[in-house]
Amino acid sequence: MILKVLWNLFWREKKDKDRMEQIEINKKIFLLGSVLGLTSEKTEIKKEFGKIKPDAICLSVSDEELLGLKKMSDGEEQEILLSGYEEAYAKKLAVYGEVKVPPPSFTEAFELGKKNNVPVYAADMDDKEYTDTFTKNISTIQLILHSLKLKKLRKKRFKSKTPEDFVYEWDKTVNKLKGFRKLEKKREEHIAKRIADLSGKHNRVLAVVELQKLEGISNLVKENL
């Protein structure tokens, strides 16, 4: 009996830890923090979609990436090119479970929107704005240092025991340079403003963002309301 109770407690704690982190704002905005790339995230997205029943979905992707998701959903083959950092991320993340690109949490959210006639919006910068922001914040020397760091990153052994902890460790490692931290901050500001704007047009907005950016985006959304 004691063993059974202990097992139930362990299992409940494990399940609770596996649940996708969510932040609710004003009963209108529901932010989900996802470990991008893990196929297991699809189940959580579907579960939360059923609970929230949104009338709009917002993804932390660019307009171009959203178009790519649409084309894939329509059966068009898409060439997916990963940067060196993205390849390294995928390989490191694969230690914790099956990994796919585009991120299954995004593809699942898009398919749920399509199936249920819920509009899906892009929240991140488009390619032009991202390029302009990148150029303003990243110096040549920082770009060189960032490229050199990739070799070390591929060999780095991450200490994280869970995929959730890993993405935080990854983010901290990759964005050590000031310029790249500023760039990511600008992305968060853009995404947060987009989400806040959509909440003025829809009653229940489900926004799927990177887990490691969840808290920052949440605080910025509140500032924009």
Protein backbone atom coordinates (compact mmCIF):
# COMPACT_ATOMS: atom_id res chain seq x y z
CA MET A 1 0.00 0.00 0.00
CA ILE A 2 2.80 2.40 0.95
CA LEU A 3 4.67 1.56 -2.24
CA LYS A 4 1.52 2.21 -4.27
CA VAL A 5 1.04 5.63 -2.66
CA LEU A 6 4.66 6.56 -3.28
CA TRP A 7 4.40 5.45 -6.90
CA ASN A 8 1.24 7.49 -7.43
CA LEU A 9 2.93 10.56 -5.97
CA PHE A 10 5.98 10.03 -8.20
CA TRP A 11 3.86 9.52 -11.29
CA ARG A 12 1.70 12.57 -10.60
CA GLU A 13 4.79 14.74 -10.10
CA LYS A 14 6.32 13.38 -13.30
CA LYS A 15 3.15 14.07 -15.27
CA ASP A 16 2.88 17.58 -13.84
CA LYS A 17 6.46 18.27 -14.87
CA ASP A 18 5.79 17.04 -18.38
CA ARG A 19 2.86 19.40 -18.88
CA MET A 20 3.45 22.33 -21.19
CA GLU A 21 3.90 25.53 -19.21
CA GLN A 22 1.05 27.99 -19.66
CA ILE A 23 0.48 31.61 -18.67
CA GLU A 24 -3.01 33.11 -18.84
CA ILE A 25 -3.49 36.86 -19.20
CA ASN A 26 -6.83 38.61 -18.69
CA LYS A 27 -8.70 35.41 -19.52
CA LYS A 28 -8.10 36.28 -23.19
CA ILE A 29 -4.49 35.38 -23.90
CA PHE A 30 -3.12 31.90 -23.31
CA LEU A 31 0.63 31.60 -23.75
CA LEU A 32 2.08 28.11 -24.15
CA GLY A 33 5.81 27.59 -23.74
CA SER A 34 7.00 24.82 -26.03
CA VAL A 35 10.27 22.93 -26.39
CA LEU A 36 10.56 23.51 -30.11
CA GLY A 37 11.46 20.40 -32.07
CA LEU A 38 10.19 17.64 -29.79
CA THR A 39 7.48 15.54 -31.43
CA SER A 40 5.95 14.82 -28.01
CA GLU A 41 4.86 18.47 -27.86
CA LYS A 42 2.11 17.73 -30.38
CA THR A 43 0.08 15.87 -27.78
CA GLU A 44 0.30 18.77 -25.34
CA ILE A 45 -0.71 21.31 -27.98
CA LYS A 46 -3.76 19.27 -28.92
CA LYS A 47 -4.70 18.88 -25.26
CA GLU A 48 -4.40 22.60 -24.50
CA PHE A 49 -6.26 23.55 -27.69
CA GLY A 50 -9.18 21.42 -26.54
CA LYS A 51 -9.20 23.05 -23.12
CA ILE A 52 -8.80 26.65 -24.27
CA LYS A 53 -10.98 26.55 -27.40
CA PRO A 54 -9.33 29.64 -28.95
CA ASP A 55 -10.80 31.77 -31.71
CA ALA A 56 -7.29 32.71 -32.87
CA ILE A 57 -3.85 31.04 -32.84
CA CYS A 58 -0.58 32.95 -32.82
CA LEU A 59 2.82 31.33 -33.43
CA SER A 60 6.27 32.79 -32.82
CA VAL A 61 7.17 32.39 -36.49
CA SER A 62 7.71 34.88 -39.30
CA ASP A 63 5.25 35.49 -42.14
CA GLU A 64 7.53 33.48 -44.41
CA GLU A 65 7.66 30.56 -41.98
CA LEU A 66 3.88 30.61 -41.60
CA LEU A 67 3.53 30.44 -45.37
CA GLY A 68 5.86 27.44 -45.32
CA LEU A 69 3.64 25.70 -42.76
CA LYS A 70 0.62 26.37 -44.96
CA LYS A 71 2.32 24.93 -48.05
CA MET A 72 3.39 21.83 -46.14
CA SER A 73 -0.15 21.39 -44.84
CA ASP A 74 -1.41 21.61 -48.42
CA GLY A 75 0.95 18.83 -49.45
CA GLU A 76 3.69 20.89 -51.10
CA GLU A 77 7.24 19.73 -50.50
CA GLN A 78 9.37 22.33 -48.79
CA GLU A 79 13.15 22.49 -48.68
CA ILE A 80 14.16 23.10 -45.07
CA LEU A 81 17.62 24.57 -44.61
CA LEU A 82 19.04 24.65 -41.08
CA SER A 83 21.80 26.91 -39.87
CA GLY A 84 24.79 25.42 -38.07
CA TYR A 85 23.30 26.44 -34.74
CA GLU A 86 19.93 24.91 -35.61
CA GLU A 87 21.58 21.62 -36.58
CA ALA A 88 23.54 21.56 -33.33
CA TYR A 89 20.37 22.33 -31.35
CA ALA A 90 18.47 19.50 -33.03
CA LYS A 91 21.25 16.98 -32.33
CA LYS A 92 21.55 17.99 -28.68
CA LEU A 93 17.77 17.99 -28.19
CA ALA A 94 17.48 14.51 -29.71
CA VAL A 95 18.99 13.14 -26.50
CA TYR A 96 15.62 13.83 -24.84
CA GLY A 97 13.30 12.45 -27.52
CA GLU A 98 12.38 12.39 -31.20
CA VAL A 99 13.01 15.68 -33.00
CA LYS A 100 11.49 17.00 -36.22
CA VAL A 101 11.51 20.19 -38.28
CA PRO A 102 9.49 22.31 -38.59
CA PRO A 103 8.74 22.17 -34.84
CA PRO A 104 5.83 19.75 -34.27
CA SER A 105 4.23 22.15 -31.79
CA PHE A 106 3.89 24.68 -34.62
CA THR A 107 2.71 22.20 -37.25
CA GLU A 108 0.15 20.73 -34.84
CA ALA A 109 -1.17 24.16 -33.84
CA PHE A 110 -1.48 25.10 -37.52
CA GLU A 111 -3.35 21.91 -38.37
CA LEU A 112 -5.73 22.37 -35.44
CA GLY A 113 -6.46 25.89 -36.61
CA LYS A 114 -7.06 24.72 -40.16
CA LYS A 115 -9.30 21.85 -39.07
CA ASN A 116 -11.39 24.00 -36.73
CA ASN A 117 -11.57 27.15 -38.91
CA VAL A 118 -9.49 29.13 -36.41
CA PRO A 119 -7.20 31.74 -38.02
CA VAL A 120 -3.46 31.29 -37.47
CA TYR A 121 -1.19 34.34 -37.28
CA ALA A 122 2.57 34.88 -37.36
CA ALA A 123 3.97 36.90 -34.45
CA ASP A 124 7.70 37.08 -35.19
CA MET A 125 9.56 39.54 -37.41
CA ASP A 126 9.43 38.97 -41.14
CA ASP A 127 12.71 38.33 -42.95
CA LYS A 128 13.33 41.99 -43.83
CA GLU A 129 12.74 43.32 -40.33
CA TYR A 130 14.84 40.56 -38.80
CA THR A 131 17.72 41.33 -41.18
CA ASP A 132 17.52 45.05 -40.39
CA THR A 133 17.42 44.37 -36.63
CA PHE A 134 20.29 41.91 -36.92
CA THR A 135 22.43 44.43 -38.77
CA LYS A 136 21.76 47.17 -36.19
CA ASN A 137 22.63 45.02 -33.19
CA ILE A 138 25.32 42.56 -34.29
CA SER A 139 28.82 43.88 -34.97
CA THR A 140 31.27 42.15 -37.29
CA ILE A 141 33.43 41.02 -34.39
CA GLN A 142 30.42 39.59 -32.56
CA LEU A 143 29.40 37.71 -35.69
CA ILE A 144 32.89 36.23 -35.96
CA LEU A 145 32.91 35.24 -32.28
CA HIS A 146 29.46 33.72 -32.66
CA SER A 147 30.64 31.61 -35.61
CA LEU A 148 33.74 30.44 -33.74
CA LYS A 149 31.61 29.44 -30.75
CA LEU A 150 29.66 26.97 -32.91
CA LYS A 151 32.61 24.54 -32.99
CA LYS A 152 32.79 24.48 -29.19
CA LEU A 153 29.02 24.23 -28.93
CA ARG A 154 28.94 21.06 -31.02
CA LYS A 155 31.33 19.41 -28.56
CA LYS A 156 29.74 20.84 -25.42
CA ARG A 157 28.13 18.41 -23.00
CA PHE A 158 24.97 19.89 -21.56
CA LYS A 159 24.21 19.04 -17.93
CA SER A 160 20.42 19.32 -18.19
CA LYS A 161 18.38 16.26 -17.24
CA THR A 162 15.19 17.34 -18.99
CA PRO A 163 14.44 18.98 -22.37
CA GLU A 164 12.89 21.92 -20.52
CA ASP A 165 16.10 22.58 -18.61
CA PHE A 166 18.11 22.03 -21.78
CA VAL A 167 16.44 24.84 -23.77
CA TYR A 168 17.20 27.29 -20.96
CA GLU A 169 20.81 26.14 -20.81
CA TRP A 170 21.05 26.31 -24.60
CA ASP A 171 19.61 29.83 -24.70
CA LYS A 172 22.02 31.05 -22.02
CA THR A 173 24.99 29.53 -23.85
CA VAL A 174 24.09 30.76 -27.33
CA ASN A 175 23.17 34.33 -26.35
CA LYS A 176 26.16 35.22 -24.18
CA LEU A 177 27.19 38.01 -26.56
CA LYS A 178 25.45 41.33 -25.84
CA GLY A 179 24.39 41.95 -29.44
CA PHE A 180 22.62 38.61 -29.71
CA ARG A 181 20.85 39.18 -26.39
CA LYS A 182 19.60 42.52 -27.71
CA LEU A 183 18.44 40.86 -30.92
CA GLU A 184 16.44 38.24 -29.01
CA LYS A 185 14.96 40.98 -26.81
CA LYS A 186 13.77 42.82 -29.91
CA ARG A 187 12.17 39.59 -31.14
CA GLU A 188 10.35 39.16 -27.84
CA GLU A 189 9.09 42.74 -28.01
CA HIS A 190 7.78 42.21 -31.54
CA ILE A 191 6.08 38.93 -30.67
CA ALA A 192 4.51 40.36 -27.51
CA LYS A 193 3.10 43.39 -29.31
CA ARG A 194 1.60 41.20 -32.01
CA ILE A 195 -0.07 38.95 -29.43
CA ALA A 196 -1.42 41.95 -27.51
CA ASP A 197 -2.80 43.49 -30.72
CA LEU A 198 -4.56 40.25 -31.66
CA SER A 199 -6.26 40.12 -28.25
CA GLY A 200 -8.05 43.32 -29.22
CA LYS A 201 -9.61 41.54 -32.21
CA HIS A 202 -10.24 38.09 -30.71
CA ASN A 203 -11.73 36.79 -27.48
CA ARG A 204 -9.38 33.87 -26.82
CA VAL A 205 -5.89 33.91 -28.32
CA LEU A 206 -3.71 30.83 -28.04
CA ALA A 207 -0.06 31.79 -28.53
CA VAL A 208 2.66 29.14 -28.88
CA VAL A 209 6.17 30.44 -28.16
CA GLU A 210 9.58 29.05 -27.23
CA LEU A 211 9.59 27.90 -23.62
CA GLN A 212 12.74 29.86 -22.81
CA LYS A 213 11.05 33.07 -23.99
CA LEU A 214 7.71 32.49 -22.28
CA GLU A 215 8.28 34.62 -19.20
CA GLY A 216 9.84 37.52 -21.09
CA ILE A 217 7.09 37.59 -23.70
CA SER A 218 4.41 37.30 -21.02
CA ASN A 219 5.72 40.37 -19.17
CA LEU A 220 5.95 42.34 -22.41
CA VAL A 221 2.40 41.37 -23.44
CA LYS A 222 1.10 42.79 -20.16
CA GLU A 223 2.96 46.06 -20.84
CA ASN A 224 1.31 46.29 -24.26
CA LEU A 225 -2.27 45.84 -23.02
